[in-house]
């Protein structure tokens, strides 16, 4: 059974930092693109960042560029999201996702990802 388990969320003041982790089990994702999405109350799920299998390519939504960094450790089957200079508008449930197809170019659409974690809450106070 494939599982993605996020951790690292919490409550932080504006300007602070958090590091999210997503540990995969049940299969290896070392050849697969991984992504982070977020969903705020009353809003649709939004793409945040993605990384290709080799870490050579990353992609970010404009609102987090320069503040968030996605990375991965294939030996640990884990993807990370370092979030700095957090803003109240970053408040959301953050989900990690994995594409089951190997060596595919990473994309931003949620429907292109096959496996999802349960989400971790990030709350940024002003």
PDB file of N, CA and C in Angstrom:
ATOM      1  N   UNK A   1       0.844  -1.188   0.000  1.00  0.00           N
ATOM      2  CA  UNK A   1       0.000   0.000   0.000  1.00  0.00           C
ATOM      3  C   UNK A   1       0.887   1.249   0.000  1.00  0.00           C
ATOM      4  N   UNK A   2       0.650   2.111  -0.992  1.00  0.00           N
ATOM      5  CA  UNK A   2       1.436   3.327  -1.096  1.00  0.00           C
ATOM      6  C   UNK A   2       0.881   4.374  -0.140  1.00  0.00           C
ATOM      7  N   UNK A   3       1.796   5.005   0.583  1.00  0.00           N
ATOM      8  CA  UNK A   3       1.400   6.081   1.498  1.00  0.00           C
ATOM      9  C   UNK A   3       2.354   7.250   1.366  1.00  0.00           C
ATOM     10  N   UNK A   4       1.804   8.452   1.400  1.00  0.00           N
ATOM     11  CA  UNK A   4       2.579   9.672   1.516  1.00  0.00           C
ATOM     12  C   UNK A   4       2.154  10.325   2.818  1.00  0.00           C
ATOM     13  N   UNK A   5       3.118  10.607   3.672  1.00  0.00           N
ATOM     14  CA  UNK A   5       2.797  11.165   4.985  1.00  0.00           C
ATOM     15  C   UNK A   5       3.543  12.482   5.168  1.00  0.00           C
ATOM     16  N   UNK A   6       2.763  13.573   5.266  1.00  0.00           N
ATOM     17  CA  UNK A   6       3.354  14.887   5.467  1.00  0.00           C
ATOM     18  C   UNK A   6       3.553  15.154   6.955  1.00  0.00           C
ATOM     19  N   UNK A   7       4.525  15.975   7.248  1.00  0.00           N
ATOM     20  CA  UNK A   7       4.759  16.429   8.615  1.00  0.00           C
ATOM     21  C   UNK A   7       5.449  17.782   8.578  1.00  0.00           C
ATOM     22  N   UNK A   8       5.479  18.443   9.721  1.00  0.00           N
ATOM     23  CA  UNK A   8       6.189  19.710   9.814  1.00  0.00           C
ATOM     24  C   UNK A   8       5.314  20.945   9.827  1.00  0.00           C
ATOM     25  N   UNK A   9       4.017  20.772   9.652  1.00  0.00           N
ATOM     26  CA  UNK A   9       3.141  21.930   9.696  1.00  0.00           C
ATOM     27  C   UNK A   9       3.002  22.464  11.109  1.00  0.00           C
ATOM     28  N   UNK A  10       2.337  23.612  11.220  1.00  0.00           N
ATOM     29  CA  UNK A  10       2.123  24.199  12.529  1.00  0.00           C
ATOM     30  C   UNK A  10       1.731  25.646  12.436  1.00  0.00           C
ATOM     31  N   UNK A  11       1.801  26.313  13.591  1.00  0.00           N
ATOM     32  CA  UNK A  11       1.463  27.731  13.689  1.00  0.00           C
ATOM     33  C   UNK A  11       2.755  28.534  13.783  1.00  0.00           C
ATOM     34  N   UNK A  12       2.854  29.561  12.966  1.00  0.00           N
ATOM     35  CA  UNK A  12       4.064  30.383  12.938  1.00  0.00           C
ATOM     36  C   UNK A  12       3.660  31.831  12.694  1.00  0.00           C
ATOM     37  N   UNK A  13       4.464  32.745  13.205  1.00  0.00           N
ATOM     38  CA  UNK A  13       4.198  34.156  12.958  1.00  0.00           C
ATOM     39  C   UNK A  13       4.669  34.556  11.568  1.00  0.00           C
ATOM     40  N   UNK A  14       4.057  35.580  11.037  1.00  0.00           N
ATOM     41  CA  UNK A  14       4.472  36.102   9.741  1.00  0.00           C
ATOM     42  C   UNK A  14       5.965  36.429   9.774  1.00  0.00           C
ATOM     43  N   UNK A  15       6.651  36.054   8.696  1.00  0.00           N
ATOM     44  CA  UNK A  15       8.097  36.231   8.629  1.00  0.00           C
ATOM     45  C   UNK A  15       8.878  35.020   9.076  1.00  0.00           C
ATOM     46  N   UNK A  16       8.192  34.067   9.682  1.00  0.00           N
ATOM     47  CA  UNK A  16       8.857  32.872  10.171  1.00  0.00           C
ATOM     48  C   UNK A  16       9.044  31.816   9.097  1.00  0.00           C
ATOM     49  N   UNK A  17       9.536  30.660   9.531  1.00  0.00           N
ATOM     50  CA  UNK A  17       9.856  29.569   8.608  1.00  0.00           C
ATOM     51  C   UNK A  17       9.300  28.248   9.122  1.00  0.00           C
ATOM     52  N   UNK A  18       9.012  27.376   8.192  1.00  0.00           N
ATOM     53  CA  UNK A  18       8.647  25.990   8.475  1.00  0.00           C
ATOM     54  C   UNK A  18       9.262  25.111   7.401  1.00  0.00           C
ATOM     55  N   UNK A  19       9.532  23.869   7.764  1.00  0.00           N
ATOM     56  CA  UNK A  19      10.001  22.898   6.790  1.00  0.00           C
ATOM     57  C   UNK A  19       9.060  21.705   6.801  1.00  0.00           C
ATOM     58  N   UNK A  20       8.404  21.501   5.673  1.00  0.00           N
ATOM     59  CA  UNK A  20       7.509  20.356   5.532  1.00  0.00           C
ATOM     60  C   UNK A  20       8.270  19.170   4.960  1.00  0.00           C
ATOM     61  N   UNK A  21       7.913  17.990   5.419  1.00  0.00           N
ATOM     62  CA  UNK A  21       8.475  16.755   4.892  1.00  0.00           C
ATOM     63  C   UNK A  21       7.344  15.864   4.399  1.00  0.00           C
ATOM     64  N   UNK A  22       7.645  15.066   3.408  1.00  0.00           N
ATOM     65  CA  UNK A  22       6.682  14.096   2.889  1.00  0.00           C
ATOM     66  C   UNK A  22       7.421  12.783   2.684  1.00  0.00           C
ATOM     67  N   UNK A  23       7.134  11.824   3.541  1.00  0.00           N
ATOM     68  CA  UNK A  23       7.791  10.533   3.470  1.00  0.00           C
ATOM     69  C   UNK A  23       6.897   9.534   2.758  1.00  0.00           C
ATOM     70  N   UNK A  24       7.447   8.887   1.740  1.00  0.00           N
ATOM     71  CA  UNK A  24       6.691   7.909   0.965  1.00  0.00           C
ATOM     72  C   UNK A  24       7.046   6.501   1.397  1.00  0.00           C
ATOM     73  N   UNK A  25       6.076   5.639   1.358  1.00  0.00           N
ATOM     74  CA  UNK A  25       6.292   4.222   1.650  1.00  0.00           C
ATOM     75  C   UNK A  25       5.429   3.386   0.726  1.00  0.00           C
ATOM     76  N   UNK A  26       5.780   2.125   0.588  1.00  0.00           N
ATOM     77  CA  UNK A  26       5.021   1.217  -0.254  1.00  0.00           C
ATOM     78  C   UNK A  26       5.591   1.060  -1.653  1.00  0.00           C
ATOM     79  N   UNK A  27       6.335   2.030  -2.100  1.00  0.00           N
ATOM     80  CA  UNK A  27       7.052   1.966  -3.373  1.00  0.00           C
ATOM     81  C   UNK A  27       8.038   3.112  -3.390  1.00  0.00           C
ATOM     82  N   UNK A  28       9.007   3.014  -4.282  1.00  0.00           N
ATOM     83  CA  UNK A  28       9.969   4.093  -4.416  1.00  0.00           C
ATOM     84  C   UNK A  28       9.501   5.090  -5.465  1.00  0.00           C
ATOM     85  N   UNK A  29       9.783   6.371  -5.218  1.00  0.00           N
ATOM     86  CA  UNK A  29       9.434   7.425  -6.156  1.00  0.00           C
ATOM     87  C   UNK A  29      10.676   8.112  -6.704  1.00  0.00           C
ATOM     88  N   UNK A  30      11.804   7.420  -6.668  1.00  0.00           N
ATOM     89  CA  UNK A  30      13.058   8.037  -7.085  1.00  0.00           C
ATOM     90  C   UNK A  30      13.068   8.399  -8.568  1.00  0.00           C
ATOM     91  N   UNK A  31      12.191   7.829  -9.366  1.00  0.00           N
ATOM     92  CA  UNK A  31      12.123   8.125 -10.801  1.00  0.00           C
ATOM     93  C   UNK A  31      10.909   8.968 -11.159  1.00  0.00           C
ATOM     94  N   UNK A  32      10.270   9.548 -10.161  1.00  0.00           N
ATOM     95  CA  UNK A  32       8.975  10.209 -10.369  1.00  0.00           C
ATOM     96  C   UNK A  32       8.993  11.651  -9.896  1.00  0.00           C
ATOM     97  N   UNK A  33       8.247  12.478 -10.639  1.00  0.00           N
ATOM     98  CA  UNK A  33       8.055  13.855 -10.196  1.00  0.00           C
ATOM     99  C   UNK A  33       7.203  13.889  -8.926  1.00  0.00           C
ATOM    100  N   UNK A  34       7.514  14.861  -8.072  1.00  0.00           N
ATOM    101  CA  UNK A  34       6.766  15.050  -6.828  1.00  0.00           C
ATOM    102  C   UNK A  34       6.348  16.510  -6.749  1.00  0.00           C
ATOM    103  N   UNK A  35       5.262  16.748  -6.041  1.00  0.00           N
ATOM    104  CA  UNK A  35       4.790  18.122  -5.953  1.00  0.00           C
ATOM    105  C   UNK A  35       4.177  18.433  -4.598  1.00  0.00           C
ATOM    106  N   UNK A  36       4.048  19.737  -4.350  1.00  0.00           N
ATOM    107  CA  UNK A  36       3.338  20.237  -3.178  1.00  0.00           C
ATOM    108  C   UNK A  36       2.175  21.106  -3.654  1.00  0.00           C
ATOM    109  N   UNK A  37       1.044  20.924  -3.032  1.00  0.00           N
ATOM    110  CA  UNK A  37      -0.138  21.722  -3.290  1.00  0.00           C
ATOM    111  C   UNK A  37      -0.666  22.240  -1.958  1.00  0.00           C
ATOM    112  N   UNK A  38      -1.550  23.212  -2.020  1.00  0.00           N
ATOM    113  CA  UNK A  38      -2.167  23.711  -0.799  1.00  0.00           C
ATOM    114  C   UNK A  38      -3.617  24.077  -1.067  1.00  0.00           C
ATOM    115  N   UNK A  39      -4.407  24.040  -0.001  1.00  0.00           N
ATOM    116  CA  UNK A  39      -5.817  24.387  -0.124  1.00  0.00           C
ATOM    117  C   UNK A  39      -6.236  25.180   1.103  1.00  0.00           C
ATOM    118  N   UNK A  40      -6.660  26.396   0.866  1.00  0.00           N
ATOM    119  CA  UNK A  40      -7.167  27.251   1.924  1.00  0.00           C
ATOM    120  C   UNK A  40      -8.680  27.077   2.023  1.00  0.00           C
ATOM    121  N   UNK A  41      -9.272  27.394   3.161  1.00  0.00           N
ATOM    122  CA  UNK A  41     -10.727  27.240   3.309  1.00  0.00           C
ATOM    123  C   UNK A  41     -11.493  28.004   2.243  1.00  0.00           C
ATOM    124  N   UNK A  42     -12.427  27.325   1.601  1.00  0.00           N
ATOM    125  CA  UNK A  42     -13.252  27.958   0.588  1.00  0.00           C
ATOM    126  C   UNK A  42     -12.589  28.155  -0.753  1.00  0.00           C
ATOM    127  N   UNK A  43     -11.360  27.657  -0.900  1.00  0.00           N
ATOM    128  CA  UNK A  43     -10.641  27.819  -2.160  1.00  0.00           C
ATOM    129  C   UNK A  43     -10.293  26.466  -2.764  1.00  0.00           C
ATOM    130  N   UNK A  44      -9.976  26.501  -4.052  1.00  0.00           N
ATOM    131  CA  UNK A  44      -9.573  25.273  -4.732  1.00  0.00           C
ATOM    132  C   UNK A  44      -8.124  24.925  -4.365  1.00  0.00           C
ATOM    133  N   UNK A  45      -7.809  23.647  -4.566  1.00  0.00           N
ATOM    134  CA  UNK A  45      -6.445  23.217  -4.337  1.00  0.00           C
ATOM    135  C   UNK A  45      -5.530  23.922  -5.335  1.00  0.00           C
ATOM    136  N   UNK A  46      -4.408  24.419  -4.842  1.00  0.00           N
ATOM    137  CA  UNK A  46      -3.505  25.242  -5.630  1.00  0.00           C
ATOM    138  C   UNK A  46      -2.117  24.607  -5.710  1.00  0.00           C
ATOM    139  N   UNK A  47      -1.523  24.643  -6.897  1.00  0.00           N
ATOM    140  CA  UNK A  47      -0.149  24.185  -7.069  1.00  0.00           C
ATOM    141  C   UNK A  47       0.795  25.123  -6.323  1.00  0.00           C
ATOM    142  N   UNK A  48       1.796  24.546  -5.659  1.00  0.00           N
ATOM    143  CA  UNK A  48       2.793  25.344  -4.957  1.00  0.00           C
ATOM    144  C   UNK A  48       4.171  25.145  -5.575  1.00  0.00           C
ATOM    145  N   UNK A  49       4.598  23.891  -5.700  1.00  0.00           N
ATOM    146  CA  UNK A  49       5.946  23.609  -6.198  1.00  0.00           C
ATOM    147  C   UNK A  49       6.021  22.170  -6.671  1.00  0.00           C
ATOM    148  N   UNK A  50       6.968  21.918  -7.582  1.00  0.00           N
ATOM    149  CA  UNK A  50       7.205  20.553  -8.021  1.00  0.00           C
ATOM    150  C   UNK A  50       8.686  20.368  -8.310  1.00  0.00           C
ATOM    151  N   UNK A  51       9.094  19.107  -8.342  1.00  0.00           N
ATOM    152  CA  UNK A  51      10.493  18.765  -8.580  1.00  0.00           C
ATOM    153  C   UNK A  51      10.542  17.501  -9.421  1.00  0.00           C
ATOM    154  N   UNK A  52      11.460  17.459 -10.358  1.00  0.00           N
ATOM    155  CA  UNK A  52      11.542  16.268 -11.189  1.00  0.00           C
ATOM    156  C   UNK A  52      12.335  15.180 -10.453  1.00  0.00           C
ATOM    157  N   UNK A  53      12.455  14.019 -11.073  1.00  0.00           N
ATOM    158  CA  UNK A  53      13.008  12.859 -10.393  1.00  0.00           C
ATOM    159  C   UNK A  53      14.459  13.065  -9.976  1.00  0.00           C
ATOM    160  N   UNK A  54      15.217  13.837 -10.771  1.00  0.00           N
ATOM    161  CA  UNK A  54      16.647  13.983 -10.510  1.00  0.00           C
ATOM    162  C   UNK A  54      16.987  15.240  -9.735  1.00  0.00           C
ATOM    163  N   UNK A  55      15.998  16.042  -9.412  1.00  0.00           N
ATOM    164  CA  UNK A  55      16.179  17.341  -8.748  1.00  0.00           C
ATOM    165  C   UNK A  55      16.800  18.393  -9.650  1.00  0.00           C
ATOM    166  N   UNK A  56      16.943  18.112 -10.925  1.00  0.00           N
ATOM    167  CA  UNK A  56      17.523  19.086 -11.839  1.00  0.00           C
ATOM    168  C   UNK A  56      16.558  20.204 -12.179  1.00  0.00           C
ATOM    169  N   UNK A  57      15.278  19.920 -12.085  1.00  0.00           N
ATOM    170  CA  UNK A  57      14.275  20.924 -12.453  1.00  0.00           C
ATOM    171  C   UNK A  57      13.264  21.114 -11.331  1.00  0.00           C
ATOM    172  N   UNK A  58      12.947  22.359 -11.068  1.00  0.00           N
ATOM    173  CA  UNK A  58      11.917  22.702 -10.098  1.00  0.00           C
ATOM    174  C   UNK A  58      10.992  23.757 -10.695  1.00  0.00           C
ATOM    175  N   UNK A  59       9.821  23.864 -10.131  1.00  0.00           N
ATOM    176  CA  UNK A  59       8.832  24.820 -10.614  1.00  0.00           C
ATOM    177  C   UNK A  59       8.078  25.345  -9.404  1.00  0.00           C
ATOM    178  N   UNK A  60       7.752  26.637  -9.425  1.00  0.00           N
ATOM    179  CA  UNK A  60       7.070  27.265  -8.291  1.00  0.00           C
ATOM    180  C   UNK A  60       5.959  28.182  -8.792  1.00  0.00           C
ATOM    181  N   UNK A  61       4.897  28.266  -8.039  1.00  0.00           N
ATOM    182  CA  UNK A  61       3.901  29.285  -8.307  1.00  0.00           C
ATOM    183  C   UNK A  61       4.536  30.639  -7.985  1.00  0.00           C
ATOM    184  N   UNK A  62       4.161  31.664  -8.713  1.00  0.00           N
ATOM    185  CA  UNK A  62       4.812  32.972  -8.563  1.00  0.00           C
ATOM    186  C   UNK A  62       4.773  33.498  -7.126  1.00  0.00           C
ATOM    187  N   UNK A  63       3.701  33.226  -6.436  1.00  0.00           N
ATOM    188  CA  UNK A  63       3.527  33.806  -5.096  1.00  0.00           C
ATOM    189  C   UNK A  63       4.518  33.281  -4.055  1.00  0.00           C
ATOM    190  N   UNK A  64       5.210  32.182  -4.361  1.00  0.00           N
ATOM    191  CA  UNK A  64       6.164  31.622  -3.392  1.00  0.00           C
ATOM    192  C   UNK A  64       7.603  31.661  -3.885  1.00  0.00           C
ATOM    193  N   UNK A  65       7.813  32.103  -5.112  1.00  0.00           N
ATOM    194  CA  UNK A  65       9.174  32.156  -5.655  1.00  0.00           C
ATOM    195  C   UNK A  65      10.052  33.048  -4.795  1.00  0.00           C
ATOM    196  N   UNK A  66      11.241  32.554  -4.502  1.00  0.00           N
ATOM    197  CA  UNK A  66      12.164  33.305  -3.667  1.00  0.00           C
ATOM    198  C   UNK A  66      11.969  33.086  -2.182  1.00  0.00           C
ATOM    199  N   UNK A  67      10.860  32.452  -1.810  1.00  0.00           N
ATOM    200  CA  UNK A  67      10.585  32.194  -0.383  1.00  0.00           C
ATOM    201  C   UNK A  67      10.559  30.697  -0.062  1.00  0.00           C
ATOM    202  N   UNK A  68      10.067  29.889  -0.984  1.00  0.00           N
ATOM    203  CA  UNK A  68       9.948  28.441  -0.770  1.00  0.00           C
ATOM    204  C   UNK A  68      10.974  27.706  -1.622  1.00  0.00           C
ATOM    205  N   UNK A  69      11.449  26.576  -1.099  1.00  0.00           N
ATOM    206  CA  UNK A  69      12.370  25.725  -1.838  1.00  0.00           C
ATOM    207  C   UNK A  69      11.945  24.273  -1.696  1.00  0.00           C
ATOM    208  N   UNK A  70      11.750  23.620  -2.835  1.00  0.00           N
ATOM    209  CA  UNK A  70      11.422  22.203  -2.839  1.00  0.00           C
ATOM    210  C   UNK A  70      12.706  21.414  -3.067  1.00  0.00           C
ATOM    211  N   UNK A  71      12.824  20.284  -2.386  1.00  0.00           N
ATOM    212  CA  UNK A  71      13.986  19.425  -2.553  1.00  0.00           C
ATOM    213  C   UNK A  71      13.565  17.989  -2.278  1.00  0.00           C
ATOM    214  N   UNK A  72      14.432  17.072  -2.580  1.00  0.00           N
ATOM    215  CA  UNK A  72      14.111  15.666  -2.352  1.00  0.00           C
ATOM    216  C   UNK A  72      15.370  14.896  -1.993  1.00  0.00           C
ATOM    217  N   UNK A  73      15.171  13.797  -1.289  1.00  0.00           N
ATOM    218  CA  UNK A  73      16.230  12.853  -0.964  1.00  0.00           C
ATOM    219  C   UNK A  73      15.717  11.490  -1.412  1.00  0.00           C
ATOM    220  N   UNK A  74      16.160  11.057  -2.577  1.00  0.00           N
ATOM    221  CA  UNK A  74      15.654   9.803  -3.134  1.00  0.00           C
ATOM    222  C   UNK A  74      16.063   8.595  -2.285  1.00  0.00           C
ATOM    223  N   UNK A  75      17.181   8.690  -1.621  1.00  0.00           N
ATOM    224  CA  UNK A  75      17.599   7.582  -0.752  1.00  0.00           C
ATOM    225  C   UNK A  75      16.622   7.394   0.409  1.00  0.00           C
ATOM    226  N   UNK A  76      15.988   8.494   0.825  1.00  0.00           N
ATOM    227  CA  UNK A  76      15.020   8.426   1.916  1.00  0.00           C
ATOM    228  C   UNK A  76      13.583   8.408   1.414  1.00  0.00           C
ATOM    229  N   UNK A  77      13.415   8.474   0.087  1.00  0.00           N
ATOM    230  CA  UNK A  77      12.061   8.478  -0.493  1.00  0.00           C
ATOM    231  C   UNK A  77      11.229   9.619   0.107  1.00  0.00           C
ATOM    232  N   UNK A  78      11.848  10.767   0.226  1.00  0.00           N
ATOM    233  CA  UNK A  78      11.243  11.901   0.930  1.00  0.00           C
ATOM    234  C   UNK A  78      11.416  13.177   0.113  1.00  0.00           C
ATOM    235  N   UNK A  79      10.383  14.007   0.129  1.00  0.00           N
ATOM    236  CA  UNK A  79      10.433  15.319  -0.495  1.00  0.00           C
ATOM    237  C   UNK A  79      10.177  16.369   0.581  1.00  0.00           C
ATOM    238  N   UNK A  80      10.799  17.534   0.424  1.00  0.00           N
ATOM    239  CA  UNK A  80      10.726  18.577   1.415  1.00  0.00           C
ATOM    240  C   UNK A  80      10.211  19.882   0.795  1.00  0.00           C
ATOM    241  N   UNK A  81       9.682  20.729   1.649  1.00  0.00           N
ATOM    242  CA  UNK A  81       9.328  22.084   1.238  1.00  0.00           C
ATOM    243  C   UNK A  81       9.785  23.024   2.349  1.00  0.00           C
ATOM    244  N   UNK A  82      10.857  23.748   2.074  1.00  0.00           N
ATOM    245  CA  UNK A  82      11.339  24.758   3.010  1.00  0.00           C
ATOM    246  C   UNK A  82      10.595  26.054   2.724  1.00  0.00           C
ATOM    247  N   UNK A  83       9.923  26.580   3.735  1.00  0.00           N
ATOM    248  CA  UNK A  83       9.103  27.771   3.564  1.00  0.00           C
ATOM    249  C   UNK A  83       9.646  28.876   4.460  1.00  0.00           C
ATOM    250  N   UNK A  84      10.123  29.936   3.841  1.00  0.00           N
ATOM    251  CA  UNK A  84      10.676  31.076   4.564  1.00  0.00           C
ATOM    252  C   UNK A  84       9.835  32.318   4.317  1.00  0.00           C
ATOM    253  N   UNK A  85      10.011  33.304   5.148  1.00  0.00           N
ATOM    254  CA  UNK A  85       9.292  34.586   5.051  1.00  0.00           C
ATOM    255  C   UNK A  85       7.799  34.309   4.860  1.00  0.00           C
ATOM    256  N   UNK A  86       7.256  33.498   5.707  1.00  0.00           N
ATOM    257  CA  UNK A  86       5.851  33.113   5.578  1.00  0.00           C
ATOM    258  C   UNK A  86       4.929  34.300   5.775  1.00  0.00           C
ATOM    259  N   UNK A  87       3.827  34.267   5.038  1.00  0.00           N
ATOM    260  CA  UNK A  87       2.827  35.332   5.076  1.00  0.00           C
ATOM    261  C   UNK A  87       1.482  34.743   5.488  1.00  0.00           C
ATOM    262  N   UNK A  88       0.584  35.546   6.027  1.00  0.00           N
ATOM    263  CA  UNK A  88      -0.737  35.031   6.399  1.00  0.00           C
ATOM    264  C   UNK A  88      -1.461  34.353   5.234  1.00  0.00           C
ATOM    265  N   UNK A  89      -1.238  34.834   4.022  1.00  0.00           N
ATOM    266  CA  UNK A  89      -1.896  34.228   2.863  1.00  0.00           C
ATOM    267  C   UNK A  89      -1.329  32.857   2.496  1.00  0.00           C
ATOM    268  N   UNK A  90      -0.265  32.427   3.159  1.00  0.00           N
ATOM    269  CA  UNK A  90       0.238  31.071   2.971  1.00  0.00           C
ATOM    270  C   UNK A  90      -0.526  30.055   3.824  1.00  0.00           C
ATOM    271  N   UNK A  91      -1.404  30.536   4.673  1.00  0.00           N
ATOM    272  CA  UNK A  91      -2.190  29.648   5.526  1.00  0.00           C
ATOM    273  C   UNK A  91      -3.051  28.719   4.683  1.00  0.00           C
ATOM    274  N   UNK A  92      -2.892  27.421   4.914  1.00  0.00           N
ATOM    275  CA  UNK A  92      -3.618  26.411   4.133  1.00  0.00           C
ATOM    276  C   UNK A  92      -3.242  25.028   4.649  1.00  0.00           C
ATOM    277  N   UNK A  93      -3.951  24.036   4.161  1.00  0.00           N
ATOM    278  CA  UNK A  93      -3.513  22.649   4.325  1.00  0.00           C
ATOM    279  C   UNK A  93      -2.600  22.334   3.150  1.00  0.00           C
ATOM    280  N   UNK A  94      -1.422  21.827   3.454  1.00  0.00           N
ATOM    281  CA  UNK A  94      -0.434  21.524   2.421  1.00  0.00           C
ATOM    282  C   UNK A  94      -0.397  20.020   2.180  1.00  0.00           C
ATOM    283  N   UNK A  95      -0.440  19.660   0.897  1.00  0.00           N
ATOM    284  CA  UNK A  95      -0.457  18.262   0.487  1.00  0.00           C
ATOM    285  C   UNK A  95       0.743  17.964  -0.396  1.00  0.00           C
ATOM    286  N   UNK A  96       1.346  16.807  -0.220  1.00  0.00           N
ATOM    287  CA  UNK A  96       2.341  16.371  -1.187  1.00  0.00           C
ATOM    288  C   UNK A  96       1.687  15.359  -2.124  1.00  0.00           C
ATOM    289  N   UNK A  97       2.257  15.245  -3.309  1.00  0.00           N
ATOM    290  CA  UNK A  97       1.694  14.386  -4.341  1.00  0.00           C
ATOM    291  C   UNK A  97       2.811  13.776  -5.156  1.00  0.00           C
ATOM    292  N   UNK A  98       2.524  12.612  -5.736  1.00  0.00           N
ATOM    293  CA  UNK A  98       3.511  11.906  -6.545  1.00  0.00           C
ATOM    294  C   UNK A  98       2.887  11.430  -7.848  1.00  0.00           C
ATOM    295  N   UNK A  99       3.649  11.536  -8.901  1.00  0.00           N
ATOM    296  CA  UNK A  99       3.249  11.053 -10.227  1.00  0.00           C
ATOM    297  C   UNK A  99       3.711   9.603 -10.355  1.00  0.00           C
ATOM    298  N   UNK A 100       2.840   8.698 -10.726  1.00  0.00           N
ATOM    299  CA  UNK A 100       3.217   7.281 -10.804  1.00  0.00           C
ATOM    300  C   UNK A 100       4.034   6.968 -12.055  1.00  0.00           C
ATOM    301  N   UNK A 101       3.994   7.866 -13.056  1.00  0.00           N
ATOM    302  CA  UNK A 101       4.699   7.603 -14.305  1.00  0.00           C
ATOM    303  C   UNK A 101       6.137   8.096 -14.199  1.00  0.00           C
ATOM    304  N   UNK A 102       7.118   7.241 -14.508  1.00  0.00           N
ATOM    305  CA  UNK A 102       8.518   7.618 -14.303  1.00  0.00           C
ATOM    306  C   UNK A 102       9.036   8.591 -15.355  1.00  0.00           C
ATOM    307  N   UNK A 103       9.956   9.428 -14.920  1.00  0.00           N
ATOM    308  CA  UNK A 103      10.707  10.339 -15.791  1.00  0.00           C
ATOM    309  C   UNK A 103       9.815  11.296 -16.578  1.00  0.00           C
ATOM    310  N   UNK A 104       8.621  11.575 -16.058  1.00  0.00           N
ATOM    311  CA  UNK A 104       7.727  12.491 -16.756  1.00  0.00           C
ATOM    312  C   UNK A 104       8.032  13.915 -16.324  1.00  0.00           C
ATOM    313  N   UNK A 105       7.879  14.847 -17.247  1.00  0.00           N
ATOM    314  CA  UNK A 105       8.047  16.255 -16.914  1.00  0.00           C
ATOM    315  C   UNK A 105       7.020  16.642 -15.860  1.00  0.00           C
ATOM    316  N   UNK A 106       7.489  17.379 -14.847  1.00  0.00           N
ATOM    317  CA  UNK A 106       6.548  17.747 -13.796  1.00  0.00           C
ATOM    318  C   UNK A 106       5.532  18.758 -14.316  1.00  0.00           C
ATOM    319  N   UNK A 107       4.357  18.671 -13.778  1.00  0.00           N
ATOM    320  CA  UNK A 107       3.268  19.530 -14.209  1.00  0.00           C
ATOM    321  C   UNK A 107       2.591  20.145 -12.995  1.00  0.00           C
ATOM    322  N   UNK A 108       1.687  21.083 -13.245  1.00  0.00           N
ATOM    323  CA  UNK A 108       1.044  21.812 -12.163  1.00  0.00           C
ATOM    324  C   UNK A 108      -0.372  21.346 -11.861  1.00  0.00           C
ATOM    325  N   UNK A 109      -0.936  20.546 -12.733  1.00  0.00           N
ATOM    326  CA  UNK A 109      -2.344  20.177 -12.553  1.00  0.00           C
ATOM    327  C   UNK A 109      -2.478  19.031 -11.556  1.00  0.00           C
ATOM    328  N   UNK A 110      -3.359  19.181 -10.573  1.00  0.00           N
ATOM    329  CA  UNK A 110      -3.526  18.120  -9.568  1.00  0.00           C
ATOM    330  C   UNK A 110      -3.886  16.759 -10.162  1.00  0.00           C
ATOM    331  N   UNK A 111      -4.641  16.757 -11.244  1.00  0.00           N
ATOM    332  CA  UNK A 111      -5.079  15.483 -11.828  1.00  0.00           C
ATOM    333  C   UNK A 111      -3.936  14.689 -12.446  1.00  0.00           C
ATOM    334  N   UNK A 112      -2.785  15.313 -12.603  1.00  0.00           N
ATOM    335  CA  UNK A 112      -1.624  14.603 -13.154  1.00  0.00           C
ATOM    336  C   UNK A 112      -0.876  13.812 -12.096  1.00  0.00           C
ATOM    337  N   UNK A 113      -1.258  13.983 -10.845  1.00  0.00           N
ATOM    338  CA  UNK A 113      -0.609  13.266  -9.752  1.00  0.00           C
ATOM    339  C   UNK A 113      -1.517  12.150  -9.266  1.00  0.00           C
ATOM    340  N   UNK A 114      -0.920  11.024  -8.963  1.00  0.00           N
ATOM    341  CA  UNK A 114      -1.699   9.827  -8.663  1.00  0.00           C
ATOM    342  C   UNK A 114      -1.793   9.497  -7.177  1.00  0.00           C
ATOM    343  N   UNK A 115      -0.821   9.917  -6.420  1.00  0.00           N
ATOM    344  CA  UNK A 115      -0.788   9.607  -4.991  1.00  0.00           C
ATOM    345  C   UNK A 115      -0.740  10.911  -4.205  1.00  0.00           C
ATOM    346  N   UNK A 116      -1.489  10.928  -3.107  1.00  0.00           N
ATOM    347  CA  UNK A 116      -1.608  12.132  -2.284  1.00  0.00           C
ATOM    348  C   UNK A 116      -1.463  11.783  -0.807  1.00  0.00           C
ATOM    349  N   UNK A 117      -0.874  12.729  -0.079  1.00  0.00           N
ATOM    350  CA  UNK A 117      -0.845  12.592   1.362  1.00  0.00           C
ATOM    351  C   UNK A 117      -2.131  13.109   1.984  1.00  0.00           C
ATOM    352  N   UNK A 118      -2.191  13.025   3.292  1.00  0.00           N
ATOM    353  CA  UNK A 118      -3.406  13.429   4.006  1.00  0.00           C
ATOM    354  C   UNK A 118      -3.423  14.927   4.313  1.00  0.00           C
ATOM    355  N   UNK A 119      -2.293  15.577   4.148  1.00  0.00           N
ATOM    356  CA  UNK A 119      -2.218  17.015   4.363  1.00  0.00           C
ATOM    357  C   UNK A 119      -1.705  17.377   5.747  1.00  0.00           C
ATOM    358  N   UNK A 120      -1.069  18.545   5.818  1.00  0.00           N
ATOM    359  CA  UNK A 120      -0.605  19.090   7.091  1.00  0.00           C
ATOM    360  C   UNK A 120      -0.977  20.572   7.132  1.00  0.00           C
ATOM    361  N   UNK A 121      -1.496  21.019   8.262  1.00  0.00           N
ATOM    362  CA  UNK A 121      -1.980  22.389   8.377  1.00  0.00           C
ATOM    363  C   UNK A 121      -0.816  23.342   8.637  1.00  0.00           C
ATOM    364  N   UNK A 122      -0.802  24.420   7.869  1.00  0.00           N
ATOM    365  CA  UNK A 122       0.135  25.527   8.099  1.00  0.00           C
ATOM    366  C   UNK A 122      -0.693  26.774   8.364  1.00  0.00           C
ATOM    367  N   UNK A 123      -0.470  27.385   9.505  1.00  0.00           N
ATOM    368  CA  UNK A 123      -1.182  28.606   9.874  1.00  0.00           C
ATOM    369  C   UNK A 123      -0.167  29.692  10.173  1.00  0.00           C
ATOM    370  N   UNK A 124      -0.313  30.812   9.464  1.00  0.00           N
ATOM    371  CA  UNK A 124       0.599  31.932   9.638  1.00  0.00           C
ATOM    372  C   UNK A 124      -0.181  33.096  10.235  1.00  0.00           C
ATOM    373  N   UNK A 125       0.219  33.518  11.408  1.00  0.00           N
ATOM    374  CA  UNK A 125      -0.482  34.616  12.085  1.00  0.00           C
ATOM    375  C   UNK A 125       0.182  35.946  11.751  1.00  0.00           C
ATOM    376  N   UNK A 126      -0.646  36.988  11.710  1.00  0.00           N
ATOM    377  CA  UNK A 126      -0.115  38.316  11.358  1.00  0.00           C
ATOM    378  C   UNK A 126       0.335  39.077  12.595  1.00  0.00           C
TER     379      UNK A 126
END
